[in-house]
Structures are given as structure tokens and as C-alpha cells.
């Protein structure tokens, strides 16, 4: 016959349940899916853009050293609603049962957006300070897009990237540096090409000069010998190969002079290595 459990057994079981009950209540009951985290990221981005639109409307696109940004009461109330929604979504992500690197980054991004909204509502905040915070959120958001969204930003986040004034200024500066670098590289390539061409023309000219018959020795013999003195004035004009070499020498010399003049005027700032 089966024995009934003792009273001490039930007492231990009840004490164990009472001790583990607070731990069960403290354990998060929900899990944030990847889509929920992405929706939170897009929602914070949308609210940040709408707040930036209010700031631009209030400042009239004034420079970054504008003393203050003054928003009206209706705009501040709207920003307060944005803050409440972002903070609520941030708390849900932070209290999720499963915490991933993606959720941590998005929760941090939500915090940057909340800081930006708080600065927009504060008094005495300059547009330069707001631009710095906007850029800070944009940098983290860009890392999220690259690391967790396959490098494919949504249409909303493309607007954020285009609206970041610090990024736009740095891109303009970088484009100017790149254009200068390309121009210098182009000049160097042209310089190297001119050097090679002039060197080749010089070699060709030397070869042509040495390939021509030695007229100087023939002339000295004709002057020293009475019998051949008449041949000095009756020398026939160059023909055939001799004529070809003579004209080729003149043409190569003309090309060499033109090449030097072109290189001198078009690449005057480039230092020649010849």
C-alpha cells in the first residue's frame, strides 16, 4: 500500500514556491522581436526629423551660431508627446527577456534622440548644439544600418543622412580635397607622359643625326684637294635615303621644340625630373 507524503514535504514545497515567486515576477514576460526593434528605430528617426523641421521653421535656416532656438507652446507639447512614445518603446526594449546587440544599439539610439528632443525644448540652446546632437544620433544610426540592416537605409533614414549639416560640410571638404588630389594625379600622369615622349624624341633625334652621311669630311677633302674643288659647288641635292633622314631630323627637332613649349606652359607648376 502506497504511503502518503509527510507533512514536512508539503511544508518544504510551499516554502520553495514562496521563495521563487518574486524571482518569477521579476523576470521579464515579453520578448522583443527584430521587427519591433526596427519599428522603434524608425519611429525615433521619424520623430527626430519632425522635430528638426520645427527647429528649421523657427530659426529660418539661420547659421549655427544663432543665440537661441525658440519654439512655441504647441510645438513643445508635440515634442513632449514624442518623448513619451520614444521613452515607452525604449523601456520595452530594455526590459525584453532576450537582449541582443541590435536591441542595445537601438535603445542607445533612442536615448540620443531623446537628448535631441530635450535640447530642442530647452531655452538658450543654439542651432550649433542641436546640430552636434543630431550628428551624434546620425553616426550611431548609420552604424546600426550598416551592422544590422544590411547597409540598406530606409527612405526616412536617407533624409536624416542628407539633413546632417556636419556630414554635408565634411563631404564638401572631402570632395574638394579629392578633386585637388585628382588634379595633382592628372598633372603627374601628364608630366610622366611628356617626359617619356620628350625622351623618346631626343633618342630618335640623336639616331637620325648619326645616321646621316658625314658631309663635313667630304667638304674638307674638297677644299684641300684642287682636283675635287669643283665638286663642292656642283654637289647634287640630297635624294632618297639621305633626303628622308634630313627631313625626319627636321621634323623630330620641330616636335621636340613644340613638346618643350607645351610642357613649359601647361605644366609650369610641375617639377620635372629630367
Protein backbone atom coordinates (compact mmCIF):
# COMPACT_ATOMS: atom_id res chain seq x y z
CA UNK A 1 0.00 0.00 0.00
CA UNK A 2 1.36 3.43 -1.05
CA UNK A 3 2.35 5.79 1.75
CA UNK A 4 1.10 9.37 1.88
CA UNK A 5 3.76 12.11 1.76
CA UNK A 6 4.69 13.53 5.12
CA UNK A 7 3.68 16.97 6.27
CA UNK A 8 7.29 18.21 6.16
CA UNK A 9 7.40 17.52 2.43
CA UNK A 10 4.45 19.83 1.74
CA UNK A 11 5.93 22.49 4.00
CA UNK A 12 9.23 22.45 2.06
CA UNK A 13 7.38 22.66 -1.26
CA UNK A 14 5.30 25.66 -0.12
CA UNK A 15 8.42 27.46 1.19
CA UNK A 16 10.22 26.83 -2.13
CA UNK A 17 7.30 28.26 -4.13
CA UNK A 18 7.12 31.34 -1.92
CA UNK A 19 10.86 31.96 -2.32
CA UNK A 20 10.89 31.59 -6.12
CA UNK A 21 7.71 33.63 -6.71
CA UNK A 22 9.44 37.07 -6.53
CA UNK A 23 12.06 35.86 -8.97
CA UNK A 24 9.39 34.78 -11.44
CA UNK A 25 7.64 38.14 -11.17
CA UNK A 26 10.91 39.99 -11.65
CA UNK A 27 11.77 38.01 -14.78
CA UNK A 28 10.63 39.81 -17.99
CA UNK A 29 7.49 38.37 -19.51
CA UNK A 30 7.89 39.62 -23.09
CA UNK A 31 10.40 39.24 -25.87
CA UNK A 32 11.07 41.99 -28.44
CA UNK A 33 11.18 40.69 -31.96
CA UNK A 34 13.55 42.06 -34.57
CA UNK A 35 10.65 43.79 -36.29
CA UNK A 36 9.66 45.56 -33.05
CA UNK A 37 13.22 46.82 -32.62
CA UNK A 38 13.32 48.04 -36.24
CA UNK A 39 9.95 49.78 -35.78
CA UNK A 40 11.33 51.55 -32.70
CA UNK A 41 14.36 52.69 -34.69
CA UNK A 42 12.17 54.05 -37.49
CA UNK A 43 9.79 55.73 -35.04
CA UNK A 44 12.61 57.56 -33.24
CA UNK A 45 14.05 58.61 -36.59
CA UNK A 46 10.71 59.98 -37.74
CA UNK A 47 10.19 61.98 -34.55
CA UNK A 48 13.72 63.37 -34.73
CA UNK A 49 13.13 64.54 -38.30
CA UNK A 50 9.82 66.16 -37.40
CA UNK A 51 11.50 67.98 -34.51
CA UNK A 52 14.28 69.16 -36.80
CA UNK A 53 11.63 70.52 -39.16
CA UNK A 54 10.19 72.56 -36.30
CA UNK A 55 13.66 73.90 -35.47
CA UNK A 56 14.37 74.90 -39.05
CA UNK A 57 10.99 76.61 -39.26
CA UNK A 58 11.68 78.54 -36.04
CA UNK A 59 15.22 79.60 -36.97
CA UNK A 60 14.60 80.22 -40.66
CA UNK A 61 17.77 78.27 -41.65
CA UNK A 62 19.97 80.72 -39.75
CA UNK A 63 23.68 79.89 -39.20
CA UNK A 64 24.86 77.58 -36.43
CA UNK A 65 25.83 80.45 -34.10
CA UNK A 66 22.23 81.64 -33.69
CA UNK A 67 21.87 82.59 -30.00
CA UNK A 68 18.66 80.74 -29.16
CA UNK A 69 16.03 78.47 -30.65
CA UNK A 70 12.53 79.47 -29.58
CA UNK A 71 9.67 77.03 -30.18
CA UNK A 72 6.08 77.86 -29.45
CA UNK A 73 3.96 76.03 -26.86
CA UNK A 74 2.17 73.88 -29.40
CA UNK A 75 5.46 72.62 -30.82
CA UNK A 76 6.86 71.90 -27.35
CA UNK A 77 3.74 69.94 -26.44
CA UNK A 78 4.11 67.89 -29.59
CA UNK A 79 7.76 67.17 -28.77
CA UNK A 80 6.69 66.09 -25.26
CA UNK A 81 4.38 63.50 -26.84
CA UNK A 82 7.28 62.29 -28.98
CA UNK A 83 9.44 61.94 -25.87
CA UNK A 84 6.80 59.87 -24.09
CA UNK A 85 6.39 57.46 -27.01
CA UNK A 86 10.14 57.02 -27.54
CA UNK A 87 10.77 56.52 -23.81
CA UNK A 88 7.99 53.91 -23.62
CA UNK A 89 9.40 51.99 -26.57
CA UNK A 90 12.90 52.26 -25.15
CA UNK A 91 11.75 50.76 -21.84
CA UNK A 92 10.09 47.86 -23.63
CA UNK A 93 13.34 47.08 -25.47
CA UNK A 94 15.44 47.37 -22.32
CA UNK A 95 13.07 45.10 -20.34
CA UNK A 96 12.98 42.43 -23.02
CA UNK A 97 13.67 38.86 -21.95
CA UNK A 98 16.22 38.38 -24.72
CA UNK A 99 18.77 41.18 -25.07
CA UNK A 100 20.80 41.37 -28.29
CA UNK A 101 23.42 43.77 -29.56
CA UNK A 102 20.84 45.14 -32.01
CA UNK A 103 18.37 45.97 -29.23
CA UNK A 104 21.09 47.60 -27.12
CA UNK A 105 22.20 49.80 -30.01
CA UNK A 106 18.62 50.85 -30.83
CA UNK A 107 17.93 51.63 -27.15
CA UNK A 108 21.06 53.79 -27.11
CA UNK A 109 19.92 55.48 -30.34
CA UNK A 110 16.55 56.20 -28.72
CA UNK A 111 18.44 57.87 -25.86
CA UNK A 112 20.33 60.10 -28.30
CA UNK A 113 17.06 61.10 -29.94
CA UNK A 114 15.54 61.88 -26.55
CA UNK A 115 18.51 64.11 -25.78
CA UNK A 116 17.98 65.92 -29.07
CA UNK A 117 14.29 66.48 -28.31
CA UNK A 118 15.14 67.74 -24.82
CA UNK A 119 17.64 70.22 -26.28
CA UNK A 120 15.04 71.44 -28.75
CA UNK A 121 12.65 72.24 -25.88
CA UNK A 122 15.27 73.89 -23.67
CA UNK A 123 15.87 77.63 -23.59
CA UNK A 124 19.08 79.20 -24.78
CA UNK A 125 20.07 76.25 -26.96
CA UNK A 126 21.88 77.22 -30.16
CA UNK A 127 21.45 75.53 -33.50
CA UNK A 128 25.10 74.54 -33.35
CA UNK A 129 24.48 72.45 -30.22
CA UNK A 130 21.42 70.89 -31.82
CA UNK A 131 23.41 70.07 -34.96
CA UNK A 132 26.07 68.36 -32.85
CA UNK A 133 23.48 66.17 -31.12
CA UNK A 134 21.76 65.45 -34.43
CA UNK A 135 25.09 64.38 -35.88
CA UNK A 136 25.79 62.20 -32.83
CA UNK A 137 22.49 60.36 -33.33
CA UNK A 138 23.13 60.11 -37.07
CA UNK A 139 26.53 58.49 -36.56
CA UNK A 140 25.06 55.79 -34.30
CA UNK A 141 22.09 55.32 -36.62
CA UNK A 142 24.40 54.85 -39.59
CA UNK A 143 26.31 52.16 -37.69
CA UNK A 144 23.01 50.41 -36.94
CA UNK A 145 22.04 50.50 -40.61
CA UNK A 146 25.42 49.09 -41.66
CA UNK A 147 25.63 46.39 -38.96
CA UNK A 148 22.03 45.20 -38.60
CA UNK A 149 20.07 46.37 -41.67
CA UNK A 150 22.44 45.06 -44.36
CA UNK A 151 23.61 48.58 -45.16
CA UNK A 152 20.23 49.47 -46.68
CA UNK A 153 18.78 52.57 -45.01
CA UNK A 154 15.07 53.25 -45.20
CA UNK A 155 13.75 56.28 -47.04
CA UNK A 156 13.25 58.05 -43.71
CA UNK A 157 16.82 57.49 -42.64
CA UNK A 158 18.12 58.65 -46.02
CA UNK A 159 16.56 62.01 -45.18
CA UNK A 160 18.44 62.03 -41.85
CA UNK A 161 21.73 61.37 -43.60
CA UNK A 162 21.04 64.16 -46.09
CA UNK A 163 19.89 66.59 -43.37
CA UNK A 164 23.01 66.26 -41.20
CA UNK A 165 24.81 69.61 -41.65
CA UNK A 166 28.10 68.36 -40.17
CA UNK A 167 28.23 65.45 -42.62
CA UNK A 168 27.36 67.74 -45.53
CA UNK A 169 30.16 70.17 -44.62
CA UNK A 170 32.67 67.36 -44.24
CA UNK A 171 31.56 65.85 -47.55
CA UNK A 172 32.06 69.18 -49.30
CA UNK A 173 35.53 69.49 -47.78
CA UNK A 174 36.36 65.90 -48.70
CA UNK A 175 35.13 66.40 -52.27
CA UNK A 176 37.34 69.46 -52.61
CA UNK A 177 40.32 67.51 -51.31
CA UNK A 178 39.54 64.64 -53.66
CA UNK A 179 39.26 66.97 -56.65
CA UNK A 180 42.61 68.57 -55.78
CA UNK A 181 44.18 65.15 -55.38
CA UNK A 182 42.77 64.02 -58.72
CA UNK A 183 44.07 67.16 -60.39
CA UNK A 184 47.53 66.60 -58.95
CA UNK A 185 47.47 62.98 -60.07
CA UNK A 186 46.38 64.04 -63.56
CA UNK A 187 49.21 66.56 -63.74
CA UNK A 188 51.68 63.94 -62.61
CA UNK A 189 50.43 61.49 -65.24
CA UNK A 190 50.70 64.14 -67.95
CA UNK A 191 54.14 65.06 -66.68
CA UNK A 192 55.29 61.45 -66.84
CA UNK A 193 53.84 61.09 -70.33
CA UNK A 194 55.58 64.27 -71.51
CA UNK A 195 58.86 63.12 -70.01
CA UNK A 196 58.63 59.79 -71.83
CA UNK A 197 57.64 61.46 -75.11
CA UNK A 198 60.44 64.05 -74.94
CA UNK A 199 62.97 61.38 -74.03
CA UNK A 200 61.86 59.26 -76.99
CA UNK A 201 62.07 62.26 -79.34
CA UNK A 202 65.58 63.04 -78.06
CA UNK A 203 66.74 59.47 -78.71
CA UNK A 204 65.16 59.47 -82.18
CA UNK A 205 66.80 62.80 -83.00
CA UNK A 206 70.22 61.54 -81.95
CA UNK A 207 69.81 58.39 -84.02
CA UNK A 208 68.75 60.40 -87.08
CA UNK A 209 71.69 62.79 -86.77
CA UNK A 210 74.24 59.99 -86.54
CA UNK A 211 72.57 58.10 -89.40
CA UNK A 212 73.16 60.93 -91.89
CA UNK A 213 76.28 60.86 -94.13
CA UNK A 214 79.32 62.82 -92.89
CA UNK A 215 79.18 65.96 -95.08
CA UNK A 216 81.87 67.71 -93.06
CA UNK A 217 84.63 65.25 -94.06
CA UNK A 218 83.60 65.43 -97.71
CA UNK A 219 83.73 69.22 -97.60
CA UNK A 220 87.24 69.31 -96.05
CA UNK A 221 88.54 66.92 -98.67
CA UNK A 222 87.07 69.02 -101.44
CA UNK A 223 88.69 72.22 -100.11
CA UNK A 224 92.13 70.63 -99.61
CA UNK A 225 92.26 68.90 -102.99
CA UNK A 226 92.38 71.11 -106.07
CA UNK A 227 91.10 68.38 -108.31
CA UNK A 228 87.92 68.00 -106.22
CA UNK A 229 87.33 71.69 -105.54
CA UNK A 230 84.85 71.99 -108.35
CA UNK A 231 82.73 69.21 -106.83
CA UNK A 232 82.00 71.37 -103.77
CA UNK A 233 79.80 73.73 -105.78
CA UNK A 234 78.38 71.10 -108.09
CA UNK A 235 77.15 68.78 -105.31
CA UNK A 236 73.76 67.31 -106.11
CA UNK A 237 70.76 67.80 -103.82
CA UNK A 238 70.07 65.02 -101.30
CA UNK A 239 67.86 62.27 -102.63
CA UNK A 240 66.36 59.02 -101.45
CA UNK A 241 67.52 57.85 -98.05
CA UNK A 242 69.59 60.97 -97.46
CA UNK A 243 66.58 63.21 -98.12
CA UNK A 244 64.39 61.08 -95.85
CA UNK A 245 66.90 61.30 -92.98
CA UNK A 246 67.25 65.05 -93.41
CA UNK A 247 63.51 65.70 -93.34
CA UNK A 248 62.98 63.26 -90.44
CA UNK A 249 65.63 65.10 -88.44
CA UNK A 250 63.95 68.46 -89.05
CA UNK A 251 60.53 67.02 -88.16
CA UNK A 252 61.80 65.39 -84.94
CA UNK A 253 63.56 68.62 -83.95
CA UNK A 254 60.35 70.58 -84.55
CA UNK A 255 58.33 68.12 -82.43
CA UNK A 256 60.89 68.36 -79.65
CA UNK A 257 60.67 72.15 -79.57
CA UNK A 258 56.86 72.10 -79.60
CA UNK A 259 56.77 69.49 -76.83
CA UNK A 260 59.06 71.55 -74.64
CA UNK A 261 56.96 74.69 -75.16
CA UNK A 262 53.70 72.87 -74.40
CA UNK A 263 55.17 71.30 -71.26
CA UNK A 264 56.54 74.65 -70.13
CA UNK A 265 53.21 76.50 -70.36
CA UNK A 266 50.71 73.77 -69.42
CA UNK A 267 52.67 72.13 -66.60
CA UNK A 268 54.57 75.06 -65.23
CA UNK A 269 53.88 74.06 -61.59
CA UNK A 270 55.12 70.51 -62.02
CA UNK A 271 58.73 69.78 -61.17
CA UNK A 272 60.48 67.88 -63.90
CA UNK A 273 62.75 65.02 -63.05
CA UNK A 274 64.74 65.13 -66.30
